[in-house]
Structure formats: structure tokens, C-alpha cells
Amino acid sequence: MGAPLKTIILPDTVTSIGRAAFLGSAIESVILPDGLKTIDDYAFAACLHLRKIFLPQGLEHIGTGAFLGCVSLETAPLPDSVKFIGNEAFALCQNLKM
């Protein structure tokens, strides 16, 4: 079995990340495409090793618990385009500096 992916780079064609898409995965960083509009509920919840995520300008919706329990998350700057952030989207992210 190979080493787990540390960085995920999503293609430009992705406009939405579905519910619990990366729930509990071992990823450390994510680079999202500029066309991304929605991060659905619990998409990255419990990703204990996730340290960085680059949220693109144009992102409008961050679902409930999207990053819940990402205890290593340090960086997730919010773009001005965000119109909705669900309950507990960044709960239990004790290292987060926004």
C-alpha cells in the first residue's frame, strides 16, 4: 500500500464539494479551484491532519460542520465572496488563525 496523499489539488471543473466528501481523510492541505462555489456539510470534517486550505475567491457557501474537528487546521482565509457559513463550520479547530 502506498503512502497517503498529503496534498489534494482539485481540477478546475469542480464547482461543488459534496457532503462528507473527504470526511476523516489523512490529507494535510487542499488547493481548491477558482470556480468552486460550494463546500457542502461535513466535507472535510475530522480531517485531523489538515493544516492548510486555500479557499478561492468566488466561493459562496460553506456548509454546516464543513471543517468540524480539523484540529490541526491553521490557515483558511475566507474570501469576500462567501455569503453563507453553516453552524459549526470551523468548530473544534483550535489552531485556526483566520
N, C-alpha and C. Protein backbone atom coordinates (compact mmCIF):
# COMPACT_ATOMS: atom_id res chain seq x y z
N MET A 1 0.85 -1.18 0.00
CA MET A 1 0.00 0.00 0.00
C MET A 1 0.89 1.24 0.00
N GLY A 2 0.57 2.22 -0.84
CA GLY A 2 1.36 3.43 -0.94
C GLY A 2 1.09 4.41 0.19
N ALA A 3 1.91 5.45 0.22
CA ALA A 3 1.74 6.50 1.24
C ALA A 3 0.47 7.30 0.95
N PRO A 4 -0.20 7.77 2.01
CA PRO A 4 -1.42 8.56 1.79
C PRO A 4 -1.09 9.90 1.12
N LEU A 5 -2.05 10.40 0.36
CA LEU A 5 -1.88 11.70 -0.27
C LEU A 5 -1.82 12.77 0.80
N LYS A 6 -0.86 13.68 0.68
CA LYS A 6 -0.75 14.76 1.65
C LYS A 6 -1.41 16.03 1.14
N THR A 7 -1.34 16.24 -0.17
CA THR A 7 -1.94 17.43 -0.78
C THR A 7 -2.91 17.00 -1.86
N ILE A 8 -4.09 17.60 -1.83
CA ILE A 8 -5.10 17.35 -2.86
C ILE A 8 -5.25 18.63 -3.67
N ILE A 9 -5.15 18.50 -4.99
CA ILE A 9 -5.39 19.62 -5.89
C ILE A 9 -6.59 19.24 -6.74
N LEU A 10 -7.69 19.95 -6.53
CA LEU A 10 -8.92 19.63 -7.26
C LEU A 10 -8.91 20.33 -8.62
N PRO A 11 -9.41 19.66 -9.66
CA PRO A 11 -9.40 20.24 -11.01
C PRO A 11 -10.35 21.43 -11.14
N ASP A 12 -10.09 22.24 -12.15
CA ASP A 12 -10.88 23.45 -12.41
C ASP A 12 -12.34 23.17 -12.69
N THR A 13 -12.68 21.96 -13.06
CA THR A 13 -14.07 21.62 -13.38
C THR A 13 -14.94 21.44 -12.14
N VAL A 14 -14.34 21.34 -10.96
CA VAL A 14 -15.10 21.12 -9.73
C VAL A 14 -15.73 22.44 -9.27
N THR A 15 -17.06 22.44 -9.13
CA THR A 15 -17.76 23.63 -8.65
C THR A 15 -18.40 23.42 -7.28
N SER A 16 -18.44 22.16 -6.84
CA SER A 16 -19.05 21.83 -5.56
C SER A 16 -18.36 20.61 -4.95
N ILE A 17 -18.14 20.66 -3.64
CA ILE A 17 -17.60 19.50 -2.92
C ILE A 17 -18.75 18.93 -2.11
N GLY A 18 -19.09 17.70 -2.34
CA GLY A 18 -20.26 17.07 -1.76
C GLY A 18 -20.15 16.78 -0.27
N ARG A 19 -21.28 16.47 0.30
CA ARG A 19 -21.41 16.16 1.72
C ARG A 19 -20.45 15.03 2.11
N ALA A 20 -19.62 15.30 3.12
CA ALA A 20 -18.69 14.32 3.69
C ALA A 20 -17.70 13.76 2.67
N ALA A 21 -17.39 14.49 1.63
CA ALA A 21 -16.52 14.00 0.55
C ALA A 21 -15.14 13.56 1.03
N PHE A 22 -14.56 14.28 1.96
CA PHE A 22 -13.22 13.95 2.46
C PHE A 22 -13.25 13.63 3.95
N LEU A 23 -14.39 13.35 4.49
CA LEU A 23 -14.58 13.09 5.91
C LEU A 23 -13.54 12.12 6.46
N GLY A 24 -12.77 12.60 7.45
CA GLY A 24 -11.81 11.74 8.13
C GLY A 24 -10.59 11.33 7.34
N SER A 25 -10.33 11.95 6.20
CA SER A 25 -9.16 11.54 5.41
C SER A 25 -7.87 12.08 6.02
N ALA A 26 -6.74 11.56 5.57
CA ALA A 26 -5.43 11.90 6.12
C ALA A 26 -4.74 13.05 5.38
N ILE A 27 -5.47 13.79 4.57
CA ILE A 27 -4.86 14.88 3.80
C ILE A 27 -4.34 15.98 4.73
N GLU A 28 -3.30 16.70 4.24
CA GLU A 28 -2.70 17.78 5.01
C GLU A 28 -3.00 19.15 4.43
N SER A 29 -3.21 19.23 3.12
CA SER A 29 -3.56 20.51 2.51
C SER A 29 -4.41 20.27 1.27
N VAL A 30 -5.21 21.28 0.94
CA VAL A 30 -6.11 21.20 -0.20
C VAL A 30 -6.01 22.50 -0.98
N ILE A 31 -5.91 22.37 -2.29
CA ILE A 31 -5.94 23.54 -3.17
C ILE A 31 -7.21 23.40 -4.01
N LEU A 32 -8.09 24.36 -3.84
CA LEU A 32 -9.41 24.31 -4.47
C LEU A 32 -9.41 25.15 -5.74
N PRO A 33 -10.21 24.77 -6.74
CA PRO A 33 -10.26 25.50 -8.00
C PRO A 33 -10.99 26.84 -7.86
N ASP A 34 -10.64 27.77 -8.74
CA ASP A 34 -11.25 29.10 -8.72
C ASP A 34 -12.74 29.08 -8.95
N GLY A 35 -13.26 28.08 -9.65
CA GLY A 35 -14.69 28.02 -9.94
C GLY A 35 -15.54 27.40 -8.84
N LEU A 36 -14.93 27.02 -7.73
CA LEU A 36 -15.66 26.37 -6.65
C LEU A 36 -16.65 27.35 -6.02
N LYS A 37 -17.90 26.92 -5.89
CA LYS A 37 -18.96 27.74 -5.30
C LYS A 37 -19.42 27.22 -3.94
N THR A 38 -19.38 25.89 -3.74
CA THR A 38 -19.98 25.29 -2.55
C THR A 38 -19.08 24.22 -1.93
N ILE A 39 -18.93 24.31 -0.62
CA ILE A 39 -18.35 23.23 0.18
C ILE A 39 -19.50 22.75 1.06
N ASP A 40 -19.96 21.55 0.82
CA ASP A 40 -21.16 21.04 1.47
C ASP A 40 -20.88 20.60 2.92
N ASP A 41 -21.94 20.24 3.62
CA ASP A 41 -21.86 19.85 5.02
C ASP A 41 -20.85 18.74 5.24
N TYR A 42 -20.02 18.93 6.25
CA TYR A 42 -19.04 17.94 6.73
C TYR A 42 -18.05 17.48 5.66
N ALA A 43 -17.86 18.28 4.63
CA ALA A 43 -16.98 17.89 3.52
C ALA A 43 -15.58 17.52 3.97
N PHE A 44 -15.03 18.27 4.92
CA PHE A 44 -13.68 18.00 5.41
C PHE A 44 -13.66 17.70 6.91
N ALA A 45 -14.79 17.41 7.49
CA ALA A 45 -14.86 17.16 8.93
C ALA A 45 -13.94 16.01 9.35
N ALA A 46 -13.34 16.18 10.52
CA ALA A 46 -12.48 15.15 11.13
C ALA A 46 -11.25 14.81 10.29
N CYS A 47 -10.80 15.74 9.47
CA CYS A 47 -9.52 15.57 8.77
C CYS A 47 -8.45 16.06 9.75
N LEU A 48 -7.99 15.16 10.59
CA LEU A 48 -7.14 15.52 11.73
C LEU A 48 -5.78 16.08 11.34
N HIS A 49 -5.33 15.82 10.12
CA HIS A 49 -4.01 16.28 9.69
C HIS A 49 -4.07 17.49 8.76
N LEU A 50 -5.28 17.92 8.41
CA LEU A 50 -5.43 19.06 7.51
C LEU A 50 -4.90 20.32 8.17
N ARG A 51 -3.87 20.92 7.56
CA ARG A 51 -3.24 22.11 8.13
C ARG A 51 -3.58 23.38 7.35
N LYS A 52 -3.74 23.23 6.03
CA LYS A 52 -3.96 24.41 5.18
C LYS A 52 -5.04 24.13 4.17
N ILE A 53 -5.87 25.12 3.94
CA ILE A 53 -6.82 25.04 2.84
C ILE A 53 -6.91 26.44 2.25
N PHE A 54 -6.83 26.52 0.94
CA PHE A 54 -6.89 27.80 0.24
C PHE A 54 -8.26 27.94 -0.39
N LEU A 55 -9.10 28.77 0.22
CA LEU A 55 -10.47 28.97 -0.24
C LEU A 55 -10.48 30.01 -1.35
N PRO A 56 -10.99 29.66 -2.53
CA PRO A 56 -10.90 30.55 -3.68
C PRO A 56 -11.90 31.70 -3.63
N GLN A 57 -11.52 32.81 -4.24
CA GLN A 57 -12.46 33.91 -4.46
C GLN A 57 -13.56 33.36 -5.35
N GLY A 58 -14.78 33.65 -5.02
CA GLY A 58 -15.92 33.09 -5.75
C GLY A 58 -16.67 32.05 -4.95
N LEU A 59 -16.03 31.50 -3.91
CA LEU A 59 -16.70 30.56 -3.03
C LEU A 59 -17.84 31.29 -2.32
N GLU A 60 -19.03 30.69 -2.33
CA GLU A 60 -20.20 31.35 -1.75
C GLU A 60 -20.77 30.64 -0.53
N HIS A 61 -20.60 29.33 -0.43
CA HIS A 61 -21.30 28.55 0.59
C HIS A 61 -20.34 27.58 1.28
N ILE A 62 -20.27 27.67 2.62
CA ILE A 62 -19.52 26.72 3.43
C ILE A 62 -20.53 26.07 4.35
N GLY A 63 -20.75 24.79 4.18
CA GLY A 63 -21.83 24.09 4.87
C GLY A 63 -21.58 23.83 6.35
N THR A 64 -22.61 23.37 7.01
CA THR A 64 -22.57 23.01 8.42
C THR A 64 -21.46 21.99 8.67
N GLY A 65 -20.63 22.28 9.65
CA GLY A 65 -19.58 21.35 10.05
C GLY A 65 -18.57 21.04 8.97
N ALA A 66 -18.44 21.90 7.97
CA ALA A 66 -17.56 21.62 6.83
C ALA A 66 -16.13 21.26 7.26
N PHE A 67 -15.62 21.92 8.29
CA PHE A 67 -14.27 21.67 8.78
C PHE A 67 -14.28 21.27 10.26
N LEU A 68 -15.40 20.80 10.73
CA LEU A 68 -15.58 20.41 12.13
C LEU A 68 -14.51 19.41 12.57
N GLY A 69 -13.82 19.73 13.65
CA GLY A 69 -12.84 18.80 14.21
C GLY A 69 -11.53 18.71 13.46
N CYS A 70 -11.25 19.67 12.59
CA CYS A 70 -9.95 19.70 11.92
C CYS A 70 -8.96 20.35 12.88
N VAL A 71 -8.50 19.58 13.85
CA VAL A 71 -7.74 20.11 14.97
C VAL A 71 -6.37 20.67 14.58
N SER A 72 -5.83 20.30 13.44
CA SER A 72 -4.53 20.80 13.00
C SER A 72 -4.65 21.99 12.05
N LEU A 73 -5.88 22.34 11.67
CA LEU A 73 -6.08 23.42 10.69
C LEU A 73 -5.55 24.74 11.23
N GLU A 74 -4.64 25.35 10.48
CA GLU A 74 -4.02 26.61 10.87
C GLU A 74 -4.46 27.77 9.99
N THR A 75 -4.69 27.49 8.71
CA THR A 75 -4.96 28.54 7.73
C THR A 75 -6.18 28.20 6.88
N ALA A 76 -7.13 29.14 6.83
CA ALA A 76 -8.30 29.01 5.96
C ALA A 76 -8.88 30.40 5.73
N PRO A 77 -8.13 31.28 5.06
CA PRO A 77 -8.62 32.64 4.86
C PRO A 77 -9.92 32.66 4.06
N LEU A 78 -10.90 33.40 4.56
CA LEU A 78 -12.21 33.49 3.91
C LEU A 78 -12.21 34.58 2.84
N PRO A 79 -12.61 34.22 1.63
CA PRO A 79 -12.75 35.25 0.59
C PRO A 79 -13.99 36.10 0.82
N ASP A 80 -14.01 37.29 0.28
CA ASP A 80 -15.14 38.22 0.42
C ASP A 80 -16.42 37.68 -0.21
N SER A 81 -16.29 36.73 -1.11
CA SER A 81 -17.45 36.22 -1.84
C SER A 81 -18.35 35.29 -1.01
N VAL A 82 -17.88 34.83 0.16
CA VAL A 82 -18.66 33.90 0.98
C VAL A 82 -19.93 34.59 1.50
N LYS A 83 -21.08 33.98 1.20
CA LYS A 83 -22.38 34.52 1.61
C LYS A 83 -23.00 33.72 2.74
N PHE A 84 -22.58 32.47 2.92
CA PHE A 84 -23.18 31.61 3.94
C PHE A 84 -22.11 30.74 4.57
N ILE A 85 -22.11 30.71 5.91
CA ILE A 85 -21.26 29.79 6.67
C ILE A 85 -22.18 29.06 7.64
N GLY A 86 -22.26 27.75 7.51
CA GLY A 86 -23.15 26.94 8.34
C GLY A 86 -22.68 26.84 9.78
N ASN A 87 -23.58 26.39 10.63
CA ASN A 87 -23.27 26.19 12.04
C ASN A 87 -22.07 25.26 12.20
N GLU A 88 -21.22 25.59 13.13
CA GLU A 88 -20.07 24.77 13.49
C GLU A 88 -19.16 24.45 12.30
N ALA A 89 -19.15 25.31 11.30
CA ALA A 89 -18.31 25.07 10.12
C ALA A 89 -16.84 24.91 10.49
N PHE A 90 -16.38 25.66 11.48
CA PHE A 90 -14.97 25.59 11.90
C PHE A 90 -14.85 25.22 13.38
N ALA A 91 -15.85 24.55 13.94
CA ALA A 91 -15.83 24.18 15.36
C ALA A 91 -14.70 23.20 15.64
N LEU A 92 -14.11 23.35 16.80
CA LEU A 92 -13.03 22.49 17.29
C LEU A 92 -11.75 22.59 16.45
N CYS A 93 -11.59 23.72 15.79
CA CYS A 93 -10.36 24.00 15.03
C CYS A 93 -9.50 24.93 15.89
N GLN A 94 -8.95 24.39 16.97
CA GLN A 94 -8.29 25.23 17.96
C GLN A 94 -7.01 25.92 17.49
N ASN A 95 -6.41 25.50 16.39
CA ASN A 95 -5.19 26.13 15.89
C ASN A 95 -5.45 27.11 14.75
N LEU A 96 -6.72 27.32 14.41
CA LEU A 96 -7.07 28.14 13.25
C LEU A 96 -6.84 29.62 13.51
N LYS A 97 -6.15 30.25 12.56
CA LYS A 97 -5.95 31.70 12.54
C LYS A 97 -6.52 32.18 11.23
N MET A 98 -7.61 32.95 11.29
CA MET A 98 -8.26 33.39 10.05
C MET A 98 -7.87 34.79 9.68
